[in-house]
């Protein structure tokens, strides 16, 4: 009974939505070639441009150029700006990133007429000169992880081969010119090499590949067996790590051919959603026949087939962005998220200070799975990796369970 009470308190910890956001700046560059004066026309135009950029994220497909020019090429107060969001991030994350960058760029580069700011999720740039069609090779911003691999020669060979494949794939895309790839690296404690490359989508295939060739050459020439690094140019960038820093789609295999002749993108969605649908159907059938067919241990073990990838949950919640934070209780914070197949979820990120062991956690997952009721939030699965432990629930948009139980108006729904 004590265990059951603890689980019910756990499920009551869904609170109200917060909107605060915290994004980490990767790199920035402030040009010292020209400055503007306070309260000048240039500053007024710059403020107007930076305020307008976030509003274009929903319709821009992650990339947008704009300016405050009057059309006169000699207009000394004209301001040109653009943003580029990482190709795999959803529109809401793109908007959040561009909004934060439009504020931070003036703080990082005060009174400067040209600057560029990189976050992990987006880039924002402005200048007094028209740069829309340019493929600038400066400034070059770079950073590397201080840790080294144990087999640098083998690692460099694998990195060079993978980056060559990425720049070709990214350049051939017509919409968002980006590509990512995960490659096992057994020499590094069975680690995985995660790589990502992207160009501005307005570049031609040849210009994109040329830009990425330049970037990867610098990346390979300067990194000496580091486990991670990035090279950033205004027109393209490349990055690698041994930990996921972008959405990694968990590959699922099926023994039967469900659909023939569909596109690879559609197949990926099917492979992600169909197993989840069948699993939820099994759980629904159990609830409908609970009096005739009680849940036994062998059936509970089916829950483990719903183990999610931690990297996938991080990507679904925009890497646990505060924008997606639903609340926080004694067991840890809860985040709203969207799976690649479009299903909404609520991810409970268990506190790392918890003393609970792996077996105890799995026992509680089985217990929660037994608590099936139309007025209880359904458990969809869980994710575990190193110190990260996450429970994945169905998303309830109408509020938390405690609000339904104790709210004077909403409690009528339980009658």
Protein backbone atom coordinates (compact mmCIF):
# COMPACT_ATOMS: atom_id res chain seq x y z
CA UNK A 1 0.00 0.00 0.00
CA UNK A 2 2.90 2.33 0.79
CA UNK A 3 4.38 1.60 -2.62
CA UNK A 4 1.05 2.28 -4.33
CA UNK A 5 0.67 5.57 -2.47
CA UNK A 6 4.17 6.64 -3.55
CA UNK A 7 3.35 5.92 -7.18
CA UNK A 8 0.12 7.92 -6.97
CA UNK A 9 2.01 10.88 -5.50
CA UNK A 10 4.53 10.48 -8.33
CA UNK A 11 1.74 10.80 -10.89
CA UNK A 12 0.28 13.85 -9.11
CA UNK A 13 3.48 15.82 -9.69
CA UNK A 14 2.42 17.22 -13.11
CA UNK A 15 2.19 20.99 -12.59
CA UNK A 16 1.53 24.06 -14.76
CA UNK A 17 3.43 25.02 -17.92
CA UNK A 18 6.42 27.36 -17.70
CA UNK A 19 7.73 29.50 -20.52
CA UNK A 20 11.22 30.51 -19.33
CA UNK A 21 14.07 29.45 -21.61
CA UNK A 22 17.81 28.95 -21.23
CA UNK A 23 20.03 28.40 -24.27
CA UNK A 24 23.80 28.07 -24.23
CA UNK A 25 25.84 30.21 -26.61
CA UNK A 26 28.40 28.24 -28.61
CA UNK A 27 30.51 30.91 -30.34
CA UNK A 28 30.27 34.56 -31.39
CA UNK A 29 32.25 37.05 -33.47
CA UNK A 30 32.18 40.84 -33.26
CA UNK A 31 33.66 42.73 -36.22
CA UNK A 32 35.82 45.71 -35.23
CA UNK A 33 35.78 47.18 -38.73
CA UNK A 34 32.91 49.58 -38.05
CA UNK A 35 30.84 50.76 -35.09
CA UNK A 36 27.61 52.72 -34.74
CA UNK A 37 26.71 55.42 -32.24
CA UNK A 38 24.00 55.24 -29.62
CA UNK A 39 20.54 56.45 -30.69
CA UNK A 40 21.66 56.56 -34.34
CA UNK A 41 19.52 55.59 -37.32
CA UNK A 42 21.61 52.45 -37.75
CA UNK A 43 20.84 51.37 -34.19
CA UNK A 44 17.13 51.98 -34.73
CA UNK A 45 17.21 49.90 -37.93
CA UNK A 46 19.17 47.14 -36.18
CA UNK A 47 16.64 46.97 -33.36
CA UNK A 48 13.81 46.79 -35.90
CA UNK A 49 15.53 43.96 -37.77
CA UNK A 50 16.32 41.91 -34.65
CA UNK A 51 12.77 42.28 -33.35
CA UNK A 52 11.32 41.04 -36.64
CA UNK A 53 13.52 37.96 -37.20
CA UNK A 54 11.78 35.53 -34.76
CA UNK A 55 8.41 36.14 -36.43
CA UNK A 56 9.70 34.54 -39.64
CA UNK A 57 10.67 31.18 -38.12
CA UNK A 58 7.27 29.52 -38.66
CA UNK A 59 7.17 30.19 -42.41
CA UNK A 60 10.87 30.16 -43.25
CA UNK A 61 11.74 26.44 -43.05
CA UNK A 62 14.65 27.33 -40.76
CA UNK A 63 16.36 29.98 -42.91
CA UNK A 64 15.57 33.62 -43.65
CA UNK A 65 17.24 36.77 -45.07
CA UNK A 66 15.89 40.27 -44.43
CA UNK A 67 17.00 43.92 -44.40
CA UNK A 68 15.93 47.45 -43.49
CA UNK A 69 17.31 49.02 -46.68
CA UNK A 70 15.36 51.68 -48.56
CA UNK A 71 16.59 50.17 -51.81
CA UNK A 72 19.38 52.72 -52.23
CA UNK A 73 22.74 50.87 -52.46
CA UNK A 74 24.43 53.86 -50.88
CA UNK A 75 22.20 53.78 -47.80
CA UNK A 76 24.77 53.86 -44.98
CA UNK A 77 22.15 53.00 -42.35
CA UNK A 78 20.87 49.84 -44.02
CA UNK A 79 21.06 46.67 -41.91
CA UNK A 80 21.06 43.15 -43.38
CA UNK A 81 20.33 40.10 -41.28
CA UNK A 82 19.59 36.39 -41.41
CA UNK A 83 19.19 33.27 -39.32
CA UNK A 84 19.84 29.59 -40.00
CA UNK A 85 18.42 26.92 -37.70
CA UNK A 86 19.95 23.47 -37.41
CA UNK A 87 18.16 21.26 -39.90
CA UNK A 88 16.82 18.70 -37.44
CA UNK A 89 15.21 21.05 -34.88
CA UNK A 90 11.42 21.67 -34.91
CA UNK A 91 9.99 25.11 -35.62
CA UNK A 92 9.25 25.91 -31.99
CA UNK A 93 12.89 25.29 -31.02
CA UNK A 94 14.02 27.35 -33.99
CA UNK A 95 11.83 30.24 -32.86
CA UNK A 96 13.07 30.02 -29.29
CA UNK A 97 16.68 30.00 -30.44
CA UNK A 98 16.33 32.93 -32.85
CA UNK A 99 14.45 34.93 -30.24
CA UNK A 100 17.23 34.38 -27.68
CA UNK A 101 19.94 35.13 -30.24
CA UNK A 102 18.30 38.41 -31.31
CA UNK A 103 18.66 39.62 -27.71
CA UNK A 104 22.06 38.15 -26.86
CA UNK A 105 23.87 39.28 -30.01
CA UNK A 106 23.71 42.96 -28.98
CA UNK A 107 24.86 42.06 -25.48
CA UNK A 108 27.84 40.11 -26.82
CA UNK A 109 28.71 42.67 -29.51
CA UNK A 110 27.58 46.13 -28.34
CA UNK A 111 27.73 49.05 -30.77
CA UNK A 112 29.17 46.85 -33.56
CA UNK A 113 27.90 47.12 -37.14
CA UNK A 114 28.53 43.47 -38.04
CA UNK A 115 28.45 40.35 -35.88
CA UNK A 116 27.50 36.67 -35.86
CA UNK A 117 26.27 34.49 -33.01
CA UNK A 118 26.11 30.68 -32.96
CA UNK A 119 24.00 28.56 -30.66
CA UNK A 120 23.83 24.77 -30.82
CA UNK A 121 20.40 25.11 -32.47
CA UNK A 122 20.77 28.20 -34.69
CA UNK A 123 22.94 30.98 -36.10
CA UNK A 124 22.08 34.69 -36.33
CA UNK A 125 24.04 37.27 -38.30
CA UNK A 126 23.69 40.94 -39.18
CA UNK A 127 25.85 43.43 -41.07
CA UNK A 128 25.92 46.86 -42.69
CA UNK A 129 26.82 45.26 -46.04
CA UNK A 130 24.72 43.10 -48.34
CA UNK A 131 25.88 39.51 -47.72
CA UNK A 132 22.88 37.46 -48.84
CA UNK A 133 24.53 35.84 -51.87
CA UNK A 134 28.06 35.77 -50.50
CA UNK A 135 29.81 32.58 -49.42
CA UNK A 136 32.08 34.16 -46.84
CA UNK A 137 35.04 32.12 -45.65
CA UNK A 138 35.48 34.33 -42.60
CA UNK A 139 35.03 34.52 -39.71
CA UNK A 140 36.06 30.95 -38.86
CA UNK A 141 34.87 29.96 -35.41
CA UNK A 142 36.10 26.71 -33.90
CA UNK A 143 36.05 24.75 -30.67
CA UNK A 144 37.18 21.27 -29.61
CA UNK A 145 36.44 18.89 -26.77
CA UNK A 146 39.56 18.72 -24.54
CA UNK A 147 39.40 14.93 -24.20
CA UNK A 148 41.45 12.69 -26.50
CA UNK A 149 40.69 9.30 -28.04
CA UNK A 150 42.96 6.30 -27.38
CA UNK A 151 43.32 5.39 -31.07
CA UNK A 152 43.67 8.78 -32.82
CA UNK A 153 44.85 7.38 -36.16
CA UNK A 154 41.86 5.04 -36.52
CA UNK A 155 39.50 7.71 -35.23
CA UNK A 156 40.79 10.29 -37.73
CA UNK A 157 40.41 7.83 -40.60
CA UNK A 158 36.81 7.09 -39.61
CA UNK A 159 36.04 10.80 -39.13
CA UNK A 160 37.48 11.76 -42.53
CA UNK A 161 35.49 9.04 -44.32
CA UNK A 162 32.24 9.98 -42.56
CA UNK A 163 32.62 13.72 -43.14
CA UNK A 164 33.23 13.13 -46.85
CA UNK A 165 29.94 11.23 -47.07
CA UNK A 166 28.10 13.95 -45.16
CA UNK A 167 29.13 16.86 -47.34
CA UNK A 168 27.98 15.04 -50.47
CA UNK A 169 24.62 14.10 -48.95
CA UNK A 170 24.01 17.58 -47.55
CA UNK A 171 24.86 19.31 -50.83
CA UNK A 172 22.41 17.16 -52.83
CA UNK A 173 19.39 18.06 -50.69
CA UNK A 174 16.93 20.58 -52.14
CA UNK A 175 15.23 21.83 -48.97
CA UNK A 176 17.38 21.89 -45.85
CA UNK A 177 20.96 21.17 -46.84
CA UNK A 178 22.07 19.07 -43.89
CA UNK A 179 23.09 15.50 -43.16
CA UNK A 180 23.95 13.48 -40.06
CA UNK A 181 25.41 10.05 -39.46
CA UNK A 182 26.18 7.77 -36.53
CA UNK A 183 29.10 5.34 -36.82
CA UNK A 184 30.24 2.82 -34.16
CA UNK A 185 33.81 3.24 -32.93
CA UNK A 186 34.70 0.05 -31.08
CA UNK A 187 38.18 1.23 -30.15
CA UNK A 188 36.65 3.87 -27.86
CA UNK A 189 34.84 1.62 -25.37
CA UNK A 190 32.18 0.78 -27.95
CA UNK A 191 31.32 4.46 -28.37
CA UNK A 192 29.48 5.98 -31.33
CA UNK A 193 30.77 8.80 -33.52
CA UNK A 194 28.01 11.37 -34.14
CA UNK A 195 28.56 13.72 -37.09
CA UNK A 196 26.57 16.62 -38.57
CA UNK A 197 27.09 18.99 -41.52
CA UNK A 198 24.89 21.77 -42.90
CA UNK A 199 24.88 24.60 -45.47
CA UNK A 200 22.64 27.56 -46.07
CA UNK A 201 19.78 26.21 -48.22
CA UNK A 202 20.14 29.02 -50.77
CA UNK A 203 23.57 27.74 -51.83
CA UNK A 204 23.90 25.63 -54.95
CA UNK A 205 25.03 22.02 -54.57
CA UNK A 206 28.50 22.94 -55.84
CA UNK A 207 28.89 25.93 -53.50
CA UNK A 208 27.58 23.91 -50.56
CA UNK A 209 30.02 21.06 -51.15
CA UNK A 210 32.87 23.54 -51.63
CA UNK A 211 32.01 25.26 -48.33
CA UNK A 212 31.79 21.96 -46.45
CA UNK A 213 35.04 20.79 -48.07
CA UNK A 214 36.71 23.88 -46.63
CA UNK A 215 35.14 23.34 -43.20
CA UNK A 216 35.96 19.64 -42.92
CA UNK A 217 39.54 20.24 -44.11
CA UNK A 218 40.03 22.73 -41.29
CA UNK A 219 38.32 20.40 -38.85
CA UNK A 220 40.54 17.43 -39.73
CA UNK A 221 43.72 19.49 -39.91
CA UNK A 222 43.29 21.10 -36.50
CA UNK A 223 41.82 18.34 -34.38
CA UNK A 224 44.44 15.93 -33.02
CA UNK A 225 42.43 12.97 -31.85
CA UNK A 226 39.86 14.96 -29.86
CA UNK A 227 36.53 13.30 -29.13
CA UNK A 228 34.56 16.28 -30.39
CA UNK A 229 34.83 19.53 -32.31
CA UNK A 230 33.13 22.02 -34.62
CA UNK A 231 34.04 24.50 -37.34
CA UNK A 232 31.54 27.30 -38.02
CA UNK A 233 31.36 29.53 -41.09
CA UNK A 234 28.59 31.99 -42.03
CA UNK A 235 27.54 29.71 -44.91
CA UNK A 236 28.11 26.22 -43.49
CA UNK A 237 29.33 24.26 -40.49
CA UNK A 238 30.39 20.77 -39.41
CA UNK A 239 30.53 19.12 -36.01
CA UNK A 240 31.34 15.74 -34.47
CA UNK A 241 31.05 14.27 -30.96
CA UNK A 242 30.97 10.87 -29.29
CA UNK A 243 27.71 11.87 -27.57
CA UNK A 244 24.48 12.74 -29.44
CA UNK A 245 23.96 16.49 -29.92
CA UNK A 246 21.16 16.26 -32.51
CA UNK A 247 18.05 14.13 -32.93
CA UNK A 248 19.14 10.53 -33.45
CA UNK A 249 16.39 8.42 -34.95
CA UNK A 250 16.29 5.04 -33.27
CA UNK A 251 16.32 2.35 -35.94
CA UNK A 252 13.67 -0.34 -35.65
CA UNK A 253 13.53 -3.53 -37.71
CA UNK A 254 10.46 -5.44 -38.87
CA UNK A 255 10.36 -9.07 -40.00
CA UNK A 256 7.44 -8.54 -42.35
CA UNK A 257 6.99 -6.18 -45.27
CA UNK A 258 4.15 -3.87 -44.24
CA UNK A 259 4.27 -1.44 -47.13
CA UNK A 260 5.96 -1.71 -50.52
CA UNK A 261 7.13 1.20 -52.64
CA UNK A 262 6.83 3.96 -50.00
CA UNK A 263 9.50 6.61 -49.53
CA UNK A 264 12.28 6.18 -46.99
CA UNK A 265 10.96 9.09 -44.94
CA UNK A 266 7.50 7.51 -44.68
CA UNK A 267 9.05 4.16 -43.78
CA UNK A 268 10.93 5.78 -40.90
CA UNK A 269 7.68 7.16 -39.49
CA UNK A 270 5.98 3.78 -39.84
CA UNK A 271 8.81 1.98 -38.08
CA UNK A 272 8.63 4.46 -35.22
CA UNK A 273 4.86 4.50 -34.76
CA UNK A 274 3.61 0.99 -35.57
CA UNK A 275 5.34 -0.81 -32.66
CA UNK A 276 4.05 1.84 -30.28
CA UNK A 277 0.51 1.50 -31.66
CA UNK A 278 0.47 -2.28 -31.21
CA UNK A 279 1.89 -2.00 -27.71
CA UNK A 280 -0.73 0.54 -26.69
CA UNK A 281 -3.42 -1.66 -28.26
CA UNK A 282 -2.27 -4.58 -26.11
CA UNK A 283 -2.42 -2.42 -23.00
CA UNK A 284 -5.90 -1.17 -23.95
CA UNK A 285 -7.13 -4.76 -24.42
CA UNK A 286 -5.78 -5.65 -20.99
CA UNK A 287 -7.73 -2.81 -19.41
CA UNK A 288 -10.94 -3.76 -21.19
CA UNK A 289 -10.67 -7.38 -20.03
CA UNK A 290 -9.12 -6.83 -16.62
CA UNK A 291 -11.77 -8.92 -14.79
CA UNK A 292 -11.45 -11.88 -17.13
CA UNK A 293 -7.73 -11.80 -17.88
CA UNK A 294 -5.60 -10.38 -15.04
CA UNK A 295 -2.11 -9.17 -15.82
CA UNK A 296 0.60 -11.71 -15.08
CA UNK A 297 4.36 -11.42 -14.95
CA UNK A 298 4.96 -12.60 -18.50
CA UNK A 299 2.60 -9.93 -19.86
CA UNK A 300 4.19 -7.19 -17.80
CA UNK A 301 7.53 -8.05 -19.37
CA UNK A 302 6.12 -6.74 -22.66
CA UNK A 303 6.62 -3.27 -21.22
CA UNK A 304 10.33 -3.58 -21.89
CA UNK A 305 9.62 -3.60 -25.62
CA UNK A 306 8.62 0.04 -25.10
CA UNK A 307 12.07 1.16 -24.02
CA UNK A 308 12.80 4.52 -25.65
CA UNK A 309 16.13 5.91 -26.76
CA UNK A 310 17.38 8.63 -24.39
CA UNK A 311 18.67 10.69 -27.31
CA UNK A 312 15.26 10.47 -28.97
CA UNK A 313 13.49 11.70 -25.83
CA UNK A 314 15.97 14.56 -25.51
CA UNK A 315 15.30 15.61 -29.09
CA UNK A 316 11.52 15.23 -28.65
CA UNK A 317 11.62 17.65 -25.68
CA UNK A 318 14.06 20.06 -27.37
CA UNK A 319 16.78 18.77 -25.04
CA UNK A 320 14.64 19.36 -21.95
CA UNK A 321 14.07 22.99 -22.85
CA UNK A 322 12.44 25.15 -20.17
CA UNK A 323 9.95 26.14 -22.85
CA UNK A 324 8.62 22.57 -22.74
CA UNK A 325 8.74 22.22 -18.97
CA UNK A 326 5.34 21.27 -17.54
CA UNK A 327 6.36 21.32 -13.90
CA UNK A 328 8.50 19.76 -11.21
CA UNK A 329 7.82 17.57 -8.20
CA UNK A 330 9.79 15.60 -5.67
CA UNK A 331 10.74 12.94 -8.22
CA UNK A 332 12.03 15.37 -10.85
CA UNK A 333 10.87 17.71 -13.67
CA UNK A 334 8.30 16.84 -16.36
CA UNK A 335 8.68 17.96 -19.98
CA UNK A 336 6.27 18.05 -22.90
CA UNK A 337 7.55 16.50 -26.12
CA UNK A 338 6.64 15.30 -29.60
CA UNK A 339 7.88 12.01 -31.06
CA UNK A 340 8.93 11.89 -34.75
CA UNK A 341 5.62 10.19 -35.55
CA UNK A 342 3.74 13.21 -34.12
CA UNK A 343 2.57 11.65 -30.83
CA UNK A 344 2.60 14.01 -27.84
CA UNK A 345 4.32 12.75 -24.67
CA UNK A 346 5.14 13.88 -21.13
CA UNK A 347 8.66 12.85 -20.08
CA UNK A 348 9.41 12.60 -16.36
CA UNK A 349 13.17 13.08 -15.88
CA UNK A 350 13.93 11.36 -12.58
CA UNK A 351 16.21 13.19 -10.19
CA UNK A 352 19.82 11.99 -10.29
CA UNK A 353 19.95 12.33 -6.51
CA UNK A 354 17.55 9.41 -6.18
CA UNK A 355 19.05 6.35 -4.50
CA UNK A 356 16.80 4.02 -6.42
CA UNK A 357 18.58 1.17 -8.22
CA UNK A 358 17.89 -0.17 -11.70
CA UNK A 359 15.91 -3.18 -10.49
CA UNK A 360 13.85 -1.08 -8.07
CA UNK A 361 13.08 1.33 -10.90
CA UNK A 362 11.93 -1.48 -13.20
CA UNK A 363 9.76 -2.90 -10.42
CA UNK A 364 8.03 0.47 -10.08
CA UNK A 365 7.55 0.67 -13.85
CA UNK A 366 5.77 -2.70 -13.71
CA UNK A 367 3.62 -1.50 -10.83
CA UNK A 368 2.64 1.70 -12.64
CA UNK A 369 1.79 -0.40 -15.71
CA UNK A 370 -0.77 -2.29 -13.61
CA UNK A 371 -2.52 0.93 -12.59
CA UNK A 372 -4.65 1.28 -15.72
CA UNK A 373 -7.73 3.48 -15.42
CA UNK A 374 -9.43 5.96 -17.71
CA UNK A 375 -8.68 8.78 -15.24
CA UNK A 376 -5.00 7.91 -14.79
CA UNK A 377 -2.23 9.00 -17.12
CA UNK A 378 -0.96 6.02 -19.14
CA UNK A 379 2.66 4.97 -18.98
CA UNK A 380 4.06 4.56 -22.50
CA UNK A 381 7.56 3.40 -21.62
CA UNK A 382 10.88 4.41 -20.17
CA UNK A 383 14.46 5.30 -21.15
CA UNK A 384 17.68 4.58 -19.28
CA UNK A 385 21.28 5.50 -20.11
CA UNK A 386 24.12 5.99 -17.64
CA UNK A 387 22.83 8.53 -15.07
CA UNK A 388 19.72 9.38 -17.10
CA UNK A 389 16.40 7.74 -16.12
CA UNK A 390 13.18 8.86 -17.80
CA UNK A 391 9.55 7.75 -17.65
CA UNK A 392 7.44 8.48 -20.74
CA UNK A 393 3.71 9.11 -20.26
CA UNK A 394 0.90 10.08 -22.55
CA UNK A 395 0.50 13.85 -22.71
CA UNK A 396 -2.65 15.22 -21.03
CA UNK A 397 -3.29 18.74 -22.39
CA UNK A 398 -6.13 19.60 -20.01
CA UNK A 399 -4.01 19.91 -16.89
CA UNK A 400 -2.57 17.76 -14.13
CA UNK A 401 -4.14 14.90 -12.24
CA UNK A 402 -4.15 16.81 -8.98
CA UNK A 403 -6.12 19.60 -10.67
CA UNK A 404 -8.70 17.07 -11.86
CA UNK A 405 -8.98 15.51 -8.41
CA UNK A 406 -9.17 18.65 -6.32
CA UNK A 407 -10.27 21.42 -8.69
CA UNK A 408 -13.80 22.59 -7.94
CA UNK A 409 -14.78 22.67 -11.63
CA UNK A 410 -12.60 20.08 -13.32
CA UNK A 411 -13.38 17.39 -10.72
CA UNK A 412 -16.76 17.00 -12.42
CA UNK A 413 -14.96 15.12 -15.23
CA UNK A 414 -14.26 12.27 -12.80
CA UNK A 415 -17.92 11.63 -12.02
